[in-house]
Amino acid sequence: MRLRAVAAMVPEGAGSVADVGAGDGQLSRELATRGCRVIATERTAASFERLRDCSPGLDCRLGDGLTVLSPSEVEGVVLAGMGGHTISRILATSAEAVRTLGWLVLQPQQNPFQLSAWLNGAGFHTLAAEQAVDRGRWYTVLLVKPPDDGS
């Protein structure tokens, strides 16, 4: 249910997306079936090998956060299944890449309120927010737009 909510938040008609921290690639494969060009990433070698094994045919890359993307390579990014502090760190350290994005779907596992506060302070615009329940646990799913001024 959590991943369905994340997938549903990806804007209709999106042509390309990076799934950062893609795990075993379930979400990446779902987005690819919708016609998106997907780049699936993982940070560690072991996680990357698992992703590649589970997702043949996908563009899988090894690296931290948005560092494996070229500027303007994708329309949007999904950061799901990691903590709010990790998401804010990735965005803060990738300001140049973030400026080229049209949208981001964020699903923090912990600290959703701190992430929202950080996003507001950094000039992001929340376009939509939903709650999803999966196995008795509530998850926040956000659709945000990067800051207009690139800050």
Protein backbone atom coordinates (compact mmCIF):
# COMPACT_ATOMS: atom_id res chain seq x y z
CA MET A 1 0.00 0.00 0.00
CA ARG A 2 2.86 2.39 0.80
CA LEU A 3 4.50 1.92 -2.59
CA ARG A 4 1.14 2.20 -4.35
CA ALA A 5 0.61 5.57 -2.69
CA VAL A 6 4.09 6.69 -3.75
CA ALA A 7 3.48 5.55 -7.34
CA ALA A 8 0.10 7.32 -7.38
CA MET A 9 1.79 10.59 -6.39
CA VAL A 10 4.07 10.56 -9.46
CA PRO A 11 2.49 13.09 -11.84
CA GLU A 12 0.44 11.60 -14.64
CA GLY A 13 2.30 11.78 -17.93
CA ALA A 14 5.73 11.87 -16.29
CA GLY A 15 8.30 10.82 -18.88
CA SER A 16 11.33 10.18 -16.71
CA VAL A 17 12.06 9.58 -13.05
CA ALA A 18 14.90 8.55 -10.78
CA ASP A 19 13.98 6.17 -7.97
CA VAL A 20 16.67 6.92 -5.38
CA GLY A 21 17.18 4.09 -2.91
CA ALA A 22 15.13 1.77 -5.09
CA GLY A 23 15.56 -1.34 -2.93
CA ASP A 24 14.56 -4.37 -4.99
CA GLY A 25 13.05 -2.15 -7.70
CA GLN A 26 9.34 -2.79 -7.15
CA LEU A 27 8.43 0.88 -7.56
CA SER A 28 10.87 1.36 -10.45
CA ARG A 29 9.36 -1.56 -12.35
CA GLU A 30 5.83 -0.24 -11.73
CA LEU A 31 6.77 3.20 -13.06
CA ALA A 32 8.43 1.63 -16.09
CA THR A 33 5.19 -0.24 -16.92
CA ARG A 34 3.48 3.17 -17.02
CA GLY A 35 5.87 4.29 -19.73
CA CYS A 36 8.35 6.23 -17.60
CA ARG A 37 12.04 6.07 -18.37
CA VAL A 38 13.38 5.03 -14.95
CA ILE A 39 16.80 5.30 -13.39
CA ALA A 40 16.93 3.15 -10.24
CA THR A 41 19.73 3.82 -7.76
CA GLU A 42 21.23 2.24 -4.68
CA ARG A 43 24.00 3.50 -2.42
CA THR A 44 25.84 0.32 -1.47
CA ALA A 45 27.32 -2.38 -3.66
CA ALA A 46 25.29 -5.20 -2.07
CA SER A 47 22.00 -3.29 -2.44
CA PHE A 48 22.92 -2.35 -6.00
CA GLU A 49 23.57 -6.00 -6.94
CA ARG A 50 20.19 -7.01 -5.49
CA LEU A 51 18.47 -4.19 -7.40
CA ARG A 52 20.15 -5.19 -10.65
CA ASP A 53 19.30 -8.86 -10.15
CA CYS A 54 15.63 -8.07 -9.44
CA SER A 55 15.23 -5.48 -12.19
CA PRO A 56 16.72 -6.66 -15.48
CA GLY A 57 16.30 -4.13 -18.23
CA LEU A 58 16.23 -1.11 -15.92
CA ASP A 59 18.93 1.56 -15.87
CA CYS A 60 20.41 0.73 -12.44
CA ARG A 61 23.16 2.90 -10.97
CA LEU A 62 25.38 2.71 -7.92
CA GLY A 63 25.86 5.94 -5.96
CA ASP A 64 24.68 8.20 -3.17
CA GLY A 65 21.57 10.32 -3.59
CA LEU A 66 21.37 12.37 -6.76
CA THR A 67 25.11 12.19 -7.50
CA VAL A 68 24.58 9.53 -10.17
CA LEU A 69 22.33 11.80 -12.24
CA SER A 70 23.36 14.32 -14.86
CA PRO A 71 21.66 17.74 -14.66
CA SER A 72 18.24 17.64 -16.35
CA GLU A 73 18.51 13.87 -16.95
CA VAL A 74 15.10 13.22 -15.38
CA GLU A 75 11.91 15.22 -14.85
CA GLY A 76 11.43 14.12 -11.27
CA VAL A 77 12.78 12.07 -8.41
CA VAL A 78 11.29 9.66 -5.89
CA LEU A 79 12.96 9.42 -2.47
CA ALA A 80 10.98 6.85 -0.50
CA GLY A 81 11.64 4.47 2.35
CA MET A 82 14.36 6.46 4.07
CA GLY A 83 14.28 8.85 7.01
CA GLY A 84 13.28 12.48 6.73
CA HIS A 85 16.74 13.61 7.83
CA THR A 86 18.35 11.50 5.10
CA ILE A 87 15.99 12.93 2.48
CA SER A 88 16.75 16.50 3.55
CA ARG A 89 20.52 15.75 3.51
CA ILE A 90 20.31 14.36 -0.01
CA LEU A 91 18.38 17.40 -1.23
CA ALA A 92 20.63 19.90 0.57
CA THR A 93 23.81 18.38 -0.85
CA SER A 94 22.39 18.18 -4.39
CA ALA A 95 21.05 21.71 -4.87
CA GLU A 96 22.28 21.96 -8.47
CA ALA A 97 20.56 18.71 -9.50
CA VAL A 98 17.40 19.60 -7.55
CA ARG A 99 17.06 22.90 -9.46
CA THR A 100 16.66 20.96 -12.72
CA LEU A 101 13.74 18.86 -11.44
CA GLY A 102 10.10 19.59 -12.06
CA TRP A 103 8.85 17.61 -9.06
CA LEU A 104 9.83 15.27 -6.25
CA VAL A 105 7.84 12.55 -4.52
CA LEU A 106 9.04 12.10 -0.94
CA GLN A 107 8.01 9.39 1.49
CA PRO A 108 9.91 9.59 4.78
CA GLN A 109 9.90 6.53 7.01
CA GLN A 110 10.59 8.67 10.09
CA ASN A 111 10.57 12.38 10.94
CA PRO A 112 7.96 13.55 8.39
CA PHE A 113 7.26 16.76 10.32
CA GLN A 114 10.94 17.68 10.46
CA LEU A 115 11.24 17.01 6.73
CA SER A 116 8.22 19.23 6.00
CA ALA A 117 9.69 22.01 8.12
CA TRP A 118 13.03 21.70 6.32
CA LEU A 119 11.31 21.73 2.90
CA ASN A 120 9.37 24.88 3.79
CA GLY A 121 12.49 26.60 5.10
CA ALA A 122 14.42 25.67 1.96
CA GLY A 123 11.74 27.14 -0.32
CA PHE A 124 10.14 23.93 -1.65
CA HIS A 125 6.44 24.09 -2.52
CA THR A 126 4.17 21.28 -1.36
CA LEU A 127 1.76 20.43 -4.18
CA ALA A 128 0.06 17.45 -2.52
CA ALA A 129 0.26 15.44 0.69
CA GLU A 130 -1.37 12.09 1.39
CA GLN A 131 -1.34 9.53 4.16
CA ALA A 132 -1.06 5.82 3.43
CA VAL A 133 -1.56 2.95 5.84
CA ASP A 134 0.51 -0.18 5.35
CA ARG A 135 0.47 -3.04 7.85
CA GLY A 136 -0.99 -0.81 10.54
CA ARG A 137 1.59 1.97 10.13
CA TRP A 138 0.88 5.45 8.76
CA TYR A 139 3.15 6.97 6.09
CA THR A 140 3.28 10.49 4.69
CA VAL A 141 3.68 10.87 0.92
CA LEU A 142 4.50 14.33 -0.45
CA LEU A 143 4.62 15.79 -3.94
CA VAL A 144 6.83 18.88 -3.91
CA LYS A 145 8.24 21.35 -6.38
CA PRO A 146 11.81 22.65 -6.01
CA PRO A 147 12.40 26.26 -4.98
CA ASP A 148 11.78 28.80 -7.73
CA ASP A 149 14.98 30.67 -6.94
CA GLY A 150 17.16 27.56 -6.70
CA SER A 151 18.01 28.13 -3.04
